[in-house]
Amino acid sequence: MPASLTLIGKPDCHLCEDAREVVDRVLADPLFAAVPLTEKSILDDAELYDRHWEEIPVLLVNDRVHTIYRVDEQRLRTALTEAGA
């Protein structure tokens, strides 16, 4: 199964913006350009809000929690490589 990313956050969240910048840098790499990214806001989904309101941003790799709060670029690259990206 090819890798996929889901970034869970909310508008006007500086940590979410920082996480998105790291994800964008990684996905700009030709090795990972085909990895789909889905963004979800906790403000649009009550279940996500209840589950993650204290820990955004949350980055999922293949629907499993990879990172909470701060995304490490090298760790994400490694996870995507291991996930078959």
C-alpha atoms as a PDB file:
ATOM      1  CA  MET A   1       0.000   0.000   0.000  1.00  0.00           C
ATOM      2  CA  PRO A   2       1.433   3.406  -0.914  1.00  0.00           C
ATOM      3  CA  ALA A   3       1.987   5.882   1.895  1.00  0.00           C
ATOM      4  CA  SER A   4      -0.542   8.584   2.729  1.00  0.00           C
ATOM      5  CA  LEU A   5      -0.457  11.550   5.104  1.00  0.00           C
ATOM      6  CA  THR A   6      -3.186  13.199   7.117  1.00  0.00           C
ATOM      7  CA  LEU A   7      -2.524  16.460   8.931  1.00  0.00           C
ATOM      8  CA  ILE A   8      -5.024  17.257  11.670  1.00  0.00           C
ATOM      9  CA  GLY A   9      -5.079  20.802  13.004  1.00  0.00           C
ATOM     10  CA  LYS A  10      -7.119  23.982  12.944  1.00  0.00           C
ATOM     11  CA  PRO A  11      -6.910  27.463  11.420  1.00  0.00           C
ATOM     12  CA  ASP A  12      -4.697  30.070  13.090  1.00  0.00           C
ATOM     13  CA  CYS A  13      -2.590  27.459  14.893  1.00  0.00           C
ATOM     14  CA  HIS A  14       1.099  28.344  14.662  1.00  0.00           C
ATOM     15  CA  LEU A  15       2.244  24.787  15.404  1.00  0.00           C
ATOM     16  CA  CYS A  16      -0.089  23.534  12.653  1.00  0.00           C
ATOM     17  CA  GLU A  17       1.430  26.026  10.223  1.00  0.00           C
ATOM     18  CA  ASP A  18       4.931  24.897  11.224  1.00  0.00           C
ATOM     19  CA  ALA A  19       3.952  21.266  10.704  1.00  0.00           C
ATOM     20  CA  ARG A  20       2.500  22.062   7.284  1.00  0.00           C
ATOM     21  CA  GLU A  21       5.759  23.757   6.250  1.00  0.00           C
ATOM     22  CA  VAL A  22       7.744  20.632   7.146  1.00  0.00           C
ATOM     23  CA  VAL A  23       5.272  18.378   5.338  1.00  0.00           C
ATOM     24  CA  ASP A  24       5.388  20.641   2.272  1.00  0.00           C
ATOM     25  CA  ARG A  25       9.203  20.486   2.209  1.00  0.00           C
ATOM     26  CA  VAL A  26       9.148  16.700   2.388  1.00  0.00           C
ATOM     27  CA  LEU A  27       6.451  16.359  -0.276  1.00  0.00           C
ATOM     28  CA  ALA A  28       8.407  18.711  -2.561  1.00  0.00           C
ATOM     29  CA  ASP A  29      11.098  16.022  -2.743  1.00  0.00           C
ATOM     30  CA  PRO A  30      10.585  13.977  -5.934  1.00  0.00           C
ATOM     31  CA  LEU A  31      10.886  10.789  -3.865  1.00  0.00           C
ATOM     32  CA  PHE A  32       7.705  11.700  -1.995  1.00  0.00           C
ATOM     33  CA  ALA A  33       5.837  13.862  -4.522  1.00  0.00           C
ATOM     34  CA  ALA A  34       3.216  11.156  -5.147  1.00  0.00           C
ATOM     35  CA  VAL A  35       2.274  10.850  -1.460  1.00  0.00           C
ATOM     36  CA  PRO A  36      -1.251  12.208  -0.995  1.00  0.00           C
ATOM     37  CA  LEU A  37      -1.877  14.690   1.808  1.00  0.00           C
ATOM     38  CA  THR A  38      -5.273  15.151   3.416  1.00  0.00           C
ATOM     39  CA  GLU A  39      -5.835  18.022   5.820  1.00  0.00           C
ATOM     40  CA  LYS A  40      -8.546  17.921   8.460  1.00  0.00           C
ATOM     41  CA  SER A  41      -9.626  20.560  10.940  1.00  0.00           C
ATOM     42  CA  ILE A  42     -10.775  19.647  14.421  1.00  0.00           C
ATOM     43  CA  LEU A  43     -13.290  22.475  14.053  1.00  0.00           C
ATOM     44  CA  ASP A  44     -15.080  20.580  11.285  1.00  0.00           C
ATOM     45  CA  ASP A  45     -15.298  17.193  12.977  1.00  0.00           C
ATOM     46  CA  ALA A  46     -16.579  16.663  16.521  1.00  0.00           C
ATOM     47  CA  GLU A  47     -14.887  13.275  16.852  1.00  0.00           C
ATOM     48  CA  LEU A  48     -11.508  14.696  15.820  1.00  0.00           C
ATOM     49  CA  TYR A  49     -12.043  17.603  18.193  1.00  0.00           C
ATOM     50  CA  ASP A  50     -12.804  15.310  21.129  1.00  0.00           C
ATOM     51  CA  ARG A  51      -9.819  13.094  20.356  1.00  0.00           C
ATOM     52  CA  HIS A  52      -7.155  15.690  19.477  1.00  0.00           C
ATOM     53  CA  TRP A  53      -8.076  19.184  20.747  1.00  0.00           C
ATOM     54  CA  GLU A  54      -5.184  19.232  23.228  1.00  0.00           C
ATOM     55  CA  GLU A  55      -2.545  17.774  20.951  1.00  0.00           C
ATOM     56  CA  ILE A  56      -2.715  19.418  17.539  1.00  0.00           C
ATOM     57  CA  PRO A  57      -1.167  19.248  15.108  1.00  0.00           C
ATOM     58  CA  VAL A  58      -1.325  15.513  14.633  1.00  0.00           C
ATOM     59  CA  LEU A  59       0.299  13.910  11.616  1.00  0.00           C
ATOM     60  CA  LEU A  60      -0.858  10.470  10.535  1.00  0.00           C
ATOM     61  CA  VAL A  61       1.107   8.199   8.216  1.00  0.00           C
ATOM     62  CA  ASN A  62      -1.185   5.562   6.740  1.00  0.00           C
ATOM     63  CA  ASP A  63      -3.860   6.495   9.295  1.00  0.00           C
ATOM     64  CA  ARG A  64      -1.548   5.865  12.269  1.00  0.00           C
ATOM     65  CA  VAL A  65      -0.285   8.624  14.543  1.00  0.00           C
ATOM     66  CA  HIS A  66       3.238   9.545  13.520  1.00  0.00           C
ATOM     67  CA  THR A  67       3.732  12.869  15.284  1.00  0.00           C
ATOM     68  CA  ILE A  68       1.990  15.135  17.750  1.00  0.00           C
ATOM     69  CA  TYR A  69       2.900  18.844  18.032  1.00  0.00           C
ATOM     70  CA  ARG A  70       6.184  19.114  16.096  1.00  0.00           C
ATOM     71  CA  VAL A  71       7.054  17.295  12.887  1.00  0.00           C
ATOM     72  CA  ASP A  72      10.679  16.258  12.483  1.00  0.00           C
ATOM     73  CA  GLU A  73      11.590  16.343   8.798  1.00  0.00           C
ATOM     74  CA  GLN A  74      14.086  13.476   8.851  1.00  0.00           C
ATOM     75  CA  ARG A  75      11.803  11.267  10.929  1.00  0.00           C
ATOM     76  CA  LEU A  76       8.967  11.889   8.452  1.00  0.00           C
ATOM     77  CA  ARG A  77      11.222  11.061   5.490  1.00  0.00           C
ATOM     78  CA  THR A  78      12.224   7.811   7.177  1.00  0.00           C
ATOM     79  CA  ALA A  79       8.616   6.897   7.958  1.00  0.00           C
ATOM     80  CA  LEU A  80       7.517   7.556   4.375  1.00  0.00           C
ATOM     81  CA  THR A  81      10.379   5.494   2.998  1.00  0.00           C
ATOM     82  CA  GLU A  82       9.510   2.617   5.320  1.00  0.00           C
ATOM     83  CA  ALA A  83       5.829   2.951   4.362  1.00  0.00           C
ATOM     84  CA  GLY A  84       6.661   2.427   0.709  1.00  0.00           C
ATOM     85  CA  ALA A  85       6.504   5.976  -0.622  1.00  0.00           C
END
